[in-house]
Amino acid sequence: MTDIPGEPRSFLSSNPPSSTLVRQVRWHTGLSQQAFALTFRIDPERLGWIERGEVEPDPALEAYLRVIDRDPHLVLAALSRGR
C-alpha cells in the first residue's frame, strides 16, 4: 500500500474546473500523475487528458476524485481489499 501523507481533508472549492480538481487532489497526495493513476487505478492517459483540460471526467470519476481528496487512506484500504 502506498503511504499518503496528511489527514483527511476537503480543501477543494465546491466546483473547481476538472483540470484544477485533478491537480489539487494529486498535489494533496504528493504523487506524480503516473503514480497517482496507478495507485488509484485510473487510466493514466485519461488522467492526463483531464489535467490538460482536453476532456471532462464523468460524474463517477469526479466523485471518486473528491473521495480520494477527502480520505486517500480509506480509498487505498478499499482498493487493497479487492485484491
Protein backbone atom coordinates (compact mmCIF):
# COMPACT_ATOMS: atom_id res chain seq x y z
CA MET A 1 0.00 0.00 0.00
CA THR A 2 1.24 3.49 -0.81
CA ASP A 3 1.90 5.85 2.07
CA ILE A 4 -0.10 9.05 1.50
CA PRO A 5 0.80 11.97 3.80
CA GLY A 6 -1.71 14.10 5.61
CA GLU A 7 -5.06 13.83 7.26
CA PRO A 8 -8.49 13.58 5.68
CA ARG A 9 -9.29 16.89 4.06
CA SER A 10 -11.69 18.77 1.89
CA PHE A 11 -9.78 21.83 0.71
CA LEU A 12 -11.44 21.90 -2.68
CA SER A 13 -13.93 24.57 -3.52
CA SER A 14 -17.33 23.12 -4.33
CA ASN A 15 -16.92 23.29 -8.11
CA PRO A 16 -13.38 23.86 -9.44
CA PRO A 17 -12.71 23.16 -13.13
CA SER A 18 -11.95 19.48 -13.70
CA SER A 19 -8.31 20.13 -14.58
CA THR A 20 -7.89 22.05 -11.32
CA LEU A 21 -9.68 19.33 -9.36
CA VAL A 22 -7.28 16.65 -10.62
CA ARG A 23 -4.16 18.76 -9.98
CA GLN A 24 -5.31 19.72 -6.47
CA VAL A 25 -6.16 16.17 -5.48
CA ARG A 26 -2.83 14.92 -6.84
CA TRP A 27 -0.99 17.72 -5.05
CA HIS A 28 -2.67 16.78 -1.75
CA THR A 29 -1.49 13.18 -2.14
CA GLY A 30 2.02 14.23 -3.17
CA LEU A 31 2.01 11.78 -6.09
CA SER A 32 3.12 12.27 -9.67
CA GLN A 33 0.48 11.92 -12.35
CA GLN A 34 1.70 8.40 -13.24
CA ALA A 35 1.93 7.26 -9.60
CA PHE A 36 -1.49 8.73 -8.80
CA ALA A 37 -3.08 6.95 -11.76
CA LEU A 38 -1.51 3.61 -10.86
CA THR A 39 -2.19 3.93 -7.13
CA PHE A 40 -5.86 4.81 -7.55
CA ARG A 41 -6.43 2.67 -10.67
CA ILE A 42 -7.26 5.48 -13.06
CA ASP A 43 -6.24 5.28 -16.71
CA PRO A 44 -3.06 7.44 -16.88
CA GLU A 45 -3.81 8.70 -20.38
CA ARG A 46 -7.32 9.78 -19.38
CA LEU A 47 -6.00 11.45 -16.24
CA GLY A 48 -3.56 13.46 -18.37
CA TRP A 49 -6.30 14.50 -20.77
CA ILE A 50 -8.40 15.72 -17.84
CA GLU A 51 -5.48 17.61 -16.27
CA ARG A 52 -4.78 19.34 -19.57
CA GLY A 53 -8.44 20.31 -19.90
CA GLU A 54 -8.91 18.22 -23.06
CA VAL A 55 -11.80 16.16 -21.65
CA GLU A 56 -14.13 16.30 -18.67
CA PRO A 57 -14.34 13.42 -16.19
CA ASP A 58 -17.62 11.59 -15.99
CA PRO A 59 -19.58 12.23 -12.76
CA ALA A 60 -18.40 8.95 -11.19
CA LEU A 61 -14.71 9.81 -11.68
CA GLU A 62 -15.26 13.32 -10.38
CA ALA A 63 -16.91 11.90 -7.25
CA TYR A 64 -14.06 9.37 -6.89
CA LEU A 65 -11.50 12.18 -7.05
CA ARG A 66 -13.35 14.06 -4.32
CA VAL A 67 -13.39 10.95 -2.11
CA ILE A 68 -9.66 10.47 -2.71
CA ASP A 69 -9.09 14.08 -1.67
CA ARG A 70 -11.20 13.68 1.45
CA ASP A 71 -9.61 10.44 2.67
CA PRO A 72 -6.98 8.78 0.47
CA HIS A 73 -6.23 6.16 3.14
CA LEU A 74 -9.84 4.97 3.09
CA VAL A 75 -9.72 4.61 -0.70
CA LEU A 76 -6.41 2.72 -0.54
CA ALA A 77 -7.83 0.38 2.08
CA ALA A 78 -10.90 -0.29 -0.07
CA LEU A 79 -8.75 -0.93 -3.13
CA SER A 80 -6.46 -3.31 -1.26
CA ARG A 81 -9.43 -5.43 -0.12
CA GLY A 82 -10.31 -6.15 -3.74
CA ARG A 83 -7.02 -7.93 -4.46
